Amino acid sequence: TVARKKYRCHIPGGNSSNPLAIYRKQD
């Protein structure tokens, strides 16, 4: 959030069960 405005950005690496996506999320 910046000044009460919410921003979102997709984390690449596949779906949430993919080990690469989990690793990037933890990073």
PDB file of all heavy atoms in Angstrom:
ATOM      1  N   THR A   1       0.844  -1.195   0.000  1.00  0.00           N
ATOM      2  CA  THR A   1       0.000   0.000   0.000  1.00  0.00           C
ATOM      3  C   THR A   1       0.875   1.239   0.000  1.00  0.00           C
ATOM      4  O   THR A   1       1.914   1.285   0.632  1.00  0.00           O
ATOM      5  CB  THR A   1      -0.921   0.039   1.232  1.00  0.00           C
ATOM      6  OG1 THR A   1      -0.121   0.014   2.402  1.00  0.00           O
ATOM      7  CG2 THR A   1      -1.887  -1.111   1.240  1.00  0.00           C
ATOM      8  N   VAL A   2       0.402   2.232  -0.738  1.00  0.00           N
ATOM      9  CA  VAL A   2       1.031   3.551  -0.759  1.00  0.00           C
ATOM     10  C   VAL A   2      -0.096   4.560  -0.664  1.00  0.00           C
ATOM     11  O   VAL A   2      -0.977   4.594  -1.533  1.00  0.00           O
ATOM     12  CB  VAL A   2       1.843   3.781  -2.045  1.00  0.00           C
ATOM     13  CG1 VAL A   2       2.392   5.198  -2.091  1.00  0.00           C
ATOM     14  CG2 VAL A   2       2.958   2.759  -2.165  1.00  0.00           C
ATOM     15  N   ALA A   3      -0.103   5.336   0.404  1.00  0.00           N
ATOM     16  CA  ALA A   3      -1.121   6.375   0.619  1.00  0.00           C
ATOM     17  C   ALA A   3      -2.538   5.810   0.496  1.00  0.00           C
ATOM     18  O   ALA A   3      -3.373   6.337  -0.224  1.00  0.00           O
ATOM     19  CB  ALA A   3      -0.919   7.535  -0.346  1.00  0.00           C
ATOM     20  N   ARG A   4      -2.784   4.718   1.183  1.00  0.00           N
ATOM     21  CA  ARG A   4      -4.099   4.063   1.256  1.00  0.00           C
ATOM     22  C   ARG A   4      -4.550   3.458  -0.071  1.00  0.00           C
ATOM     23  O   ARG A   4      -5.691   3.067  -0.224  1.00  0.00           O
ATOM     24  CB  ARG A   4      -5.153   5.024   1.795  1.00  0.00           C
ATOM     25  CG  ARG A   4      -4.875   5.449   3.216  1.00  0.00           C
ATOM     26  CD  ARG A   4      -5.832   6.454   3.722  1.00  0.00           C
ATOM     27  NE  ARG A   4      -7.194   6.038   3.510  1.00  0.00           N
ATOM     28  CZ  ARG A   4      -8.240   6.671   4.002  1.00  0.00           C
ATOM     29  NH1 ARG A   4      -8.059   7.736   4.735  1.00  0.00           N
ATOM     30  NH2 ARG A   4      -9.451   6.255   3.760  1.00  0.00           N
ATOM     31  N   LYS A   5      -3.655   3.358  -1.059  1.00  0.00           N
ATOM     32  CA  LYS A   5      -3.962   2.713  -2.331  1.00  0.00           C
ATOM     33  C   LYS A   5      -3.254   1.372  -2.342  1.00  0.00           C
ATOM     34  O   LYS A   5      -2.063   1.276  -2.054  1.00  0.00           O
ATOM     35  CB  LYS A   5      -3.471   3.595  -3.485  1.00  0.00           C
ATOM     36  CG  LYS A   5      -3.526   2.946  -4.842  1.00  0.00           C
ATOM     37  CD  LYS A   5      -4.900   3.060  -5.443  1.00  0.00           C
ATOM     38  CE  LYS A   5      -4.872   2.628  -6.894  1.00  0.00           C
ATOM     39  NZ  LYS A   5      -5.461   1.351  -7.121  1.00  0.00           N
ATOM     40  N   LYS A   6      -3.991   0.310  -2.659  1.00  0.00           N
ATOM     41  CA  LYS A   6      -3.445  -1.035  -2.640  1.00  0.00           C
ATOM     42  C   LYS A   6      -2.966  -1.421  -4.048  1.00  0.00           C
ATOM     43  O   LYS A   6      -3.680  -1.244  -5.028  1.00  0.00           O
ATOM     44  CB  LYS A   6      -4.502  -2.029  -2.174  1.00  0.00           C
ATOM     45  CG  LYS A   6      -3.951  -3.428  -1.934  1.00  0.00           C
ATOM     46  CD  LYS A   6      -5.029  -4.450  -1.641  1.00  0.00           C
ATOM     47  CE  LYS A   6      -5.698  -4.228  -0.322  1.00  0.00           C
ATOM     48  NZ  LYS A   6      -6.639  -5.308   0.019  1.00  0.00           N
ATOM     49  N   TYR A   7      -1.748  -1.961  -4.117  1.00  0.00           N
ATOM     50  CA  TYR A   7      -1.170  -2.443  -5.373  1.00  0.00           C
ATOM     51  C   TYR A   7      -0.886  -3.929  -5.234  1.00  0.00           C
ATOM     52  O   TYR A   7      -0.591  -4.416  -4.151  1.00  0.00           O
ATOM     53  CB  TYR A   7       0.131  -1.698  -5.685  1.00  0.00           C
ATOM     54  CG  TYR A   7      -0.055  -0.226  -5.905  1.00  0.00           C
ATOM     55  CD1 TYR A   7       0.081   0.672  -4.849  1.00  0.00           C
ATOM     56  CD2 TYR A   7      -0.370   0.269  -7.161  1.00  0.00           C
ATOM     57  CE1 TYR A   7      -0.090   2.031  -5.039  1.00  0.00           C
ATOM     58  CE2 TYR A   7      -0.543   1.630  -7.368  1.00  0.00           C
ATOM     59  CZ  TYR A   7      -0.403   2.503  -6.301  1.00  0.00           C
ATOM     60  OH  TYR A   7      -0.578   3.844  -6.491  1.00  0.00           O
ATOM     61  N   ARG A   8      -0.934  -4.648  -6.376  1.00  0.00           N
ATOM     62  CA  ARG A   8      -0.700  -6.094  -6.366  1.00  0.00           C
ATOM     63  C   ARG A   8       0.195  -6.470  -7.535  1.00  0.00           C
ATOM     64  O   ARG A   8       0.104  -5.873  -8.605  1.00  0.00           O
ATOM     65  CB  ARG A   8      -2.023  -6.849  -6.499  1.00  0.00           C
ATOM     66  CG  ARG A   8      -2.982  -6.603  -5.362  1.00  0.00           C
ATOM     67  CD  ARG A   8      -4.294  -7.320  -5.639  1.00  0.00           C
ATOM     68  NE  ARG A   8      -5.271  -7.015  -4.634  1.00  0.00           N
ATOM     69  CZ  ARG A   8      -6.172  -6.047  -4.714  1.00  0.00           C
ATOM     70  NH1 ARG A   8      -6.214  -5.288  -5.788  1.00  0.00           N
ATOM     71  NH2 ARG A   8      -7.025  -5.836  -3.744  1.00  0.00           N
ATOM     72  N   CYS A   9       1.030  -7.486  -7.306  1.00  0.00           N
ATOM     73  CA  CYS A   9       1.926  -7.962  -8.354  1.00  0.00           C
ATOM     74  C   CYS A   9       2.001  -9.485  -8.244  1.00  0.00           C
ATOM     75  O   CYS A   9       2.315 -10.026  -7.179  1.00  0.00           O
ATOM     76  CB  CYS A   9       3.305  -7.328  -8.168  1.00  0.00           C
ATOM     77  SG  CYS A   9       4.497  -7.819  -9.403  1.00  0.00           S
ATOM     78  N   HIS A  10       1.725 -10.167  -9.350  1.00  0.00           N
ATOM     79  CA  HIS A  10       1.759 -11.631  -9.384  1.00  0.00           C
ATOM     80  C   HIS A  10       3.187 -12.120  -9.196  1.00  0.00           C
ATOM     81  O   HIS A  10       4.132 -11.562  -9.767  1.00  0.00           O
ATOM     82  CB  HIS A  10       1.201 -12.124 -10.728  1.00  0.00           C
ATOM     83  CG  HIS A  10       1.420 -13.582 -10.959  1.00  0.00           C
ATOM     84  ND1 HIS A  10       0.707 -14.548 -10.301  1.00  0.00           N
ATOM     85  CD2 HIS A  10       2.290 -14.222 -11.771  1.00  0.00           C
ATOM     86  CE1 HIS A  10       1.121 -15.750 -10.706  1.00  0.00           C
ATOM     87  NE2 HIS A  10       2.084 -15.575 -11.606  1.00  0.00           N
ATOM     88  N   ILE A  11       3.352 -13.163  -8.391  1.00  0.00           N
ATOM     89  CA  ILE A  11       4.663 -13.786  -8.200  1.00  0.00           C
ATOM     90  C   ILE A  11       4.754 -14.960  -9.164  1.00  0.00           C
ATOM     91  O   ILE A  11       4.008 -15.934  -9.028  1.00  0.00           O
ATOM     92  CB  ILE A  11       4.850 -14.262  -6.743  1.00  0.00           C
ATOM     93  CG1 ILE A  11       4.736 -13.078  -5.783  1.00  0.00           C
ATOM     94  CG2 ILE A  11       6.188 -14.965  -6.590  1.00  0.00           C
ATOM     95  CD1 ILE A  11       4.741 -13.470  -4.330  1.00  0.00           C
ATOM     96  N   PRO A  12       5.626 -14.882 -10.158  1.00  0.00           N
ATOM     97  CA  PRO A  12       5.712 -15.971 -11.130  1.00  0.00           C
ATOM     98  C   PRO A  12       6.312 -17.231 -10.514  1.00  0.00           C
ATOM     99  O   PRO A  12       7.022 -17.175  -9.523  1.00  0.00           O
ATOM    100  CB  PRO A  12       6.619 -15.395 -12.226  1.00  0.00           C
ATOM    101  CG  PRO A  12       7.396 -14.334 -11.572  1.00  0.00           C
ATOM    102  CD  PRO A  12       6.543 -13.799 -10.460  1.00  0.00           C
ATOM    103  N   GLY A  13       6.005 -18.354 -11.123  1.00  0.00           N
ATOM    104  CA  GLY A  13       6.544 -19.623 -10.643  1.00  0.00           C
ATOM    105  C   GLY A  13       5.499 -20.722 -10.651  1.00  0.00           C
ATOM    106  O   GLY A  13       5.739 -21.816 -10.185  1.00  0.00           O
ATOM    107  N   GLY A  14       4.324 -20.433 -11.161  1.00  0.00           N
ATOM    108  CA  GLY A  14       3.290 -21.455 -11.231  1.00  0.00           C
ATOM    109  C   GLY A  14       2.285 -21.318 -10.110  1.00  0.00           C
ATOM    110  O   GLY A  14       2.240 -20.307  -9.403  1.00  0.00           O
ATOM    111  N   ASN A  15       1.476 -22.371  -9.956  1.00  0.00           N
ATOM    112  CA  ASN A  15       0.421 -22.310  -8.935  1.00  0.00           C
ATOM    113  C   ASN A  15       1.010 -22.461  -7.543  1.00  0.00           C
ATOM    114  O   ASN A  15       2.198 -22.711  -7.373  1.00  0.00           O
ATOM    115  CB  ASN A  15      -0.663 -23.355  -9.221  1.00  0.00           C
ATOM    116  CG  ASN A  15      -0.126 -24.770  -9.185  1.00  0.00           C
ATOM    117  OD1 ASN A  15       0.917 -25.034  -8.597  1.00  0.00           O
ATOM    118  ND2 ASN A  15      -0.835 -25.683  -9.824  1.00  0.00           N
ATOM    119  N   SER A  16       0.169 -22.327  -6.541  1.00  0.00           N
ATOM    120  CA  SER A  16       0.650 -22.275  -5.153  1.00  0.00           C
ATOM    121  C   SER A  16       1.184 -23.602  -4.634  1.00  0.00           C
ATOM    122  O   SER A  16       1.807 -23.636  -3.581  1.00  0.00           O
ATOM    123  CB  SER A  16      -0.462 -21.782  -4.236  1.00  0.00           C
ATOM    124  OG  SER A  16      -1.547 -22.676  -4.274  1.00  0.00           O
ATOM    125  N   SER A  17       0.980 -24.690  -5.371  1.00  0.00           N
ATOM    126  CA  SER A  17       1.545 -25.973  -4.940  1.00  0.00           C
ATOM    127  C   SER A  17       2.890 -26.258  -5.613  1.00  0.00           C
ATOM    128  O   SER A  17       3.558 -27.223  -5.260  1.00  0.00           O
ATOM    129  CB  SER A  17       0.563 -27.113  -5.237  1.00  0.00           C
ATOM    130  OG  SER A  17       0.324 -27.198  -6.629  1.00  0.00           O
ATOM    131  N   ASN A  18       3.304 -25.416  -6.542  1.00  0.00           N
ATOM    132  CA  ASN A  18       4.573 -25.577  -7.235  1.00  0.00           C
ATOM    133  C   ASN A  18       5.724 -25.200  -6.296  1.00  0.00           C
ATOM    134  O   ASN A  18       5.683 -24.143  -5.667  1.00  0.00           O
ATOM    135  CB  ASN A  18       4.576 -24.685  -8.476  1.00  0.00           C
ATOM    136  CG  ASN A  18       5.759 -24.953  -9.380  1.00  0.00           C
ATOM    137  OD1 ASN A  18       6.804 -25.416  -8.949  1.00  0.00           O
ATOM    138  ND2 ASN A  18       5.581 -24.646 -10.648  1.00  0.00           N
ATOM    139  N   PRO A  19       6.754 -26.039  -6.176  1.00  0.00           N
ATOM    140  CA  PRO A  19       7.872 -25.732  -5.277  1.00  0.00           C
ATOM    141  C   PRO A  19       8.580 -24.417  -5.611  1.00  0.00           C
ATOM    142  O   PRO A  19       9.030 -23.709  -4.705  1.00  0.00           O
ATOM    143  CB  PRO A  19       8.823 -26.921  -5.443  1.00  0.00           C
ATOM    144  CG  PRO A  19       7.987 -28.018  -5.981  1.00  0.00           C
ATOM    145  CD  PRO A  19       6.894 -27.380  -6.769  1.00  0.00           C
ATOM    146  N   LEU A  20       8.663 -24.061  -6.905  1.00  0.00           N
ATOM    147  CA  LEU A  20       9.309 -22.807  -7.283  1.00  0.00           C
ATOM    148  C   LEU A  20       8.507 -21.606  -6.773  1.00  0.00           C
ATOM    149  O   LEU A  20       9.080 -20.647  -6.244  1.00  0.00           O
ATOM    150  CB  LEU A  20       9.471 -22.734  -8.806  1.00  0.00           C
ATOM    151  CG  LEU A  20      10.124 -21.461  -9.346  1.00  0.00           C
ATOM    152  CD1 LEU A  20      11.539 -21.308  -8.781  1.00  0.00           C
ATOM    153  CD2 LEU A  20      10.142 -21.480 -10.861  1.00  0.00           C
ATOM    154  N   ALA A  21       7.182 -21.677  -6.896  1.00  0.00           N
ATOM    155  CA  ALA A  21       6.330 -20.588  -6.412  1.00  0.00           C
ATOM    156  C   ALA A  21       6.416 -20.469  -4.888  1.00  0.00           C
ATOM    157  O   ALA A  21       6.469 -19.354  -4.347  1.00  0.00           O
ATOM    158  CB  ALA A  21       4.891 -20.814  -6.845  1.00  0.00           C
ATOM    159  N   ILE A  22       6.456 -21.596  -4.201  1.00  0.00           N
ATOM    160  CA  ILE A  22       6.569 -21.587  -2.737  1.00  0.00           C
ATOM    161  C   ILE A  22       7.917 -20.993  -2.314  1.00  0.00           C
ATOM    162  O   ILE A  22       7.992 -20.180  -1.391  1.00  0.00           O
ATOM    163  CB  ILE A  22       6.379 -23.010  -2.168  1.00  0.00           C
ATOM    164  CG1 ILE A  22       4.950 -23.494  -2.433  1.00  0.00           C
ATOM    165  CG2 ILE A  22       6.713 -23.058  -0.687  1.00  0.00           C
ATOM    166  CD1 ILE A  22       4.727 -24.955  -2.151  1.00  0.00           C
ATOM    167  N   TYR A  23       8.984 -21.374  -3.019  1.00  0.00           N
ATOM    168  CA  TYR A  23      10.310 -20.840  -2.703  1.00  0.00           C
ATOM    169  C   TYR A  23      10.346 -19.329  -2.905  1.00  0.00           C
ATOM    170  O   TYR A  23      10.866 -18.596  -2.063  1.00  0.00           O
ATOM    171  CB  TYR A  23      11.362 -21.526  -3.574  1.00  0.00           C
ATOM    172  CG  TYR A  23      12.721 -20.913  -3.441  1.00  0.00           C
ATOM    173  CD1 TYR A  23      13.508 -21.157  -2.322  1.00  0.00           C
ATOM    174  CD2 TYR A  23      13.224 -20.068  -4.423  1.00  0.00           C
ATOM    175  CE1 TYR A  23      14.753 -20.582  -2.182  1.00  0.00           C
ATOM    176  CE2 TYR A  23      14.464 -19.487  -4.299  1.00  0.00           C
ATOM    177  CZ  TYR A  23      15.233 -19.747  -3.177  1.00  0.00           C
ATOM    178  OH  TYR A  23      16.462 -19.163  -3.047  1.00  0.00           O
ATOM    179  N   ARG A  24       9.783 -18.836  -4.010  1.00  0.00           N
ATOM    180  CA  ARG A  24       9.781 -17.401  -4.277  1.00  0.00           C
ATOM    181  C   ARG A  24       8.915 -16.645  -3.270  1.00  0.00           C
ATOM    182  O   ARG A  24       9.254 -15.532  -2.857  1.00  0.00           O
ATOM    183  CB  ARG A  24       9.315 -17.137  -5.702  1.00  0.00           C
ATOM    184  CG  ARG A  24      10.365 -17.553  -6.717  1.00  0.00           C
ATOM    185  CD  ARG A  24       9.944 -17.290  -8.121  1.00  0.00           C
ATOM    186  NE  ARG A  24      11.027 -17.590  -9.050  1.00  0.00           N
ATOM    187  CZ  ARG A  24      10.906 -17.610 -10.351  1.00  0.00           C
ATOM    188  NH1 ARG A  24       9.732 -17.333 -10.913  1.00  0.00           N
ATOM    189  NH2 ARG A  24      11.931 -17.887 -11.121  1.00  0.00           N
ATOM    190  N   LYS A  25       7.805 -17.246  -2.875  1.00  0.00           N
ATOM    191  CA  LYS A  25       6.957 -16.616  -1.848  1.00  0.00           C
ATOM    192  C   LYS A  25       7.725 -16.472  -0.539  1.00  0.00           C
ATOM    193  O   LYS A  25       7.719 -15.417   0.099  1.00  0.00           O
ATOM    194  CB  LYS A  25       5.686 -17.434  -1.623  1.00  0.00           C
ATOM    195  CG  LYS A  25       4.802 -16.880  -0.497  1.00  0.00           C
ATOM    196  CD  LYS A  25       3.760 -17.868  -0.065  1.00  0.00           C
ATOM    197  CE  LYS A  25       4.404 -18.830   0.881  1.00  0.00           C
ATOM    198  NZ  LYS A  25       3.608 -19.367   1.935  1.00  0.00           N
ATOM    199  N   GLN A  26       8.426 -17.530  -0.142  1.00  0.00           N
ATOM    200  CA  GLN A  26       9.208 -17.486   1.098  1.00  0.00           C
ATOM    201  C   GLN A  26      10.353 -16.476   0.998  1.00  0.00           C
ATOM    202  O   GLN A  26      10.682 -15.795   1.970  1.00  0.00           O
ATOM    203  CB  GLN A  26       9.743 -18.878   1.430  1.00  0.00           C
ATOM    204  CG  GLN A  26       8.663 -19.851   1.820  1.00  0.00           C
ATOM    205  CD  GLN A  26       9.174 -21.278   1.934  1.00  0.00           C
ATOM    206  OE1 GLN A  26      10.270 -21.598   1.499  1.00  0.00           O
ATOM    207  NE2 GLN A  26       8.352 -22.136   2.513  1.00  0.00           N
ATOM    208  N   ASP A  27      10.944 -16.366  -0.197  1.00  0.00           N
ATOM    209  CA  ASP A  27      12.012 -15.402  -0.411  1.00  0.00           C
ATOM    210  C   ASP A  27      11.496 -13.966  -0.250  1.00  0.00           C
ATOM    211  O   ASP A  27      12.129 -13.130   0.386  1.00  0.00           O
ATOM    212  CB  ASP A  27      12.604 -15.606  -1.806  1.00  0.00           C
ATOM    213  CG  ASP A  27      13.908 -14.876  -2.003  1.00  0.00           C
ATOM    214  OD1 ASP A  27      14.548 -14.541  -0.993  1.00  0.00           O
ATOM    215  OD2 ASP A  27      14.280 -14.641  -3.166  1.00  0.00           O
TER     216      ASP A  27
END
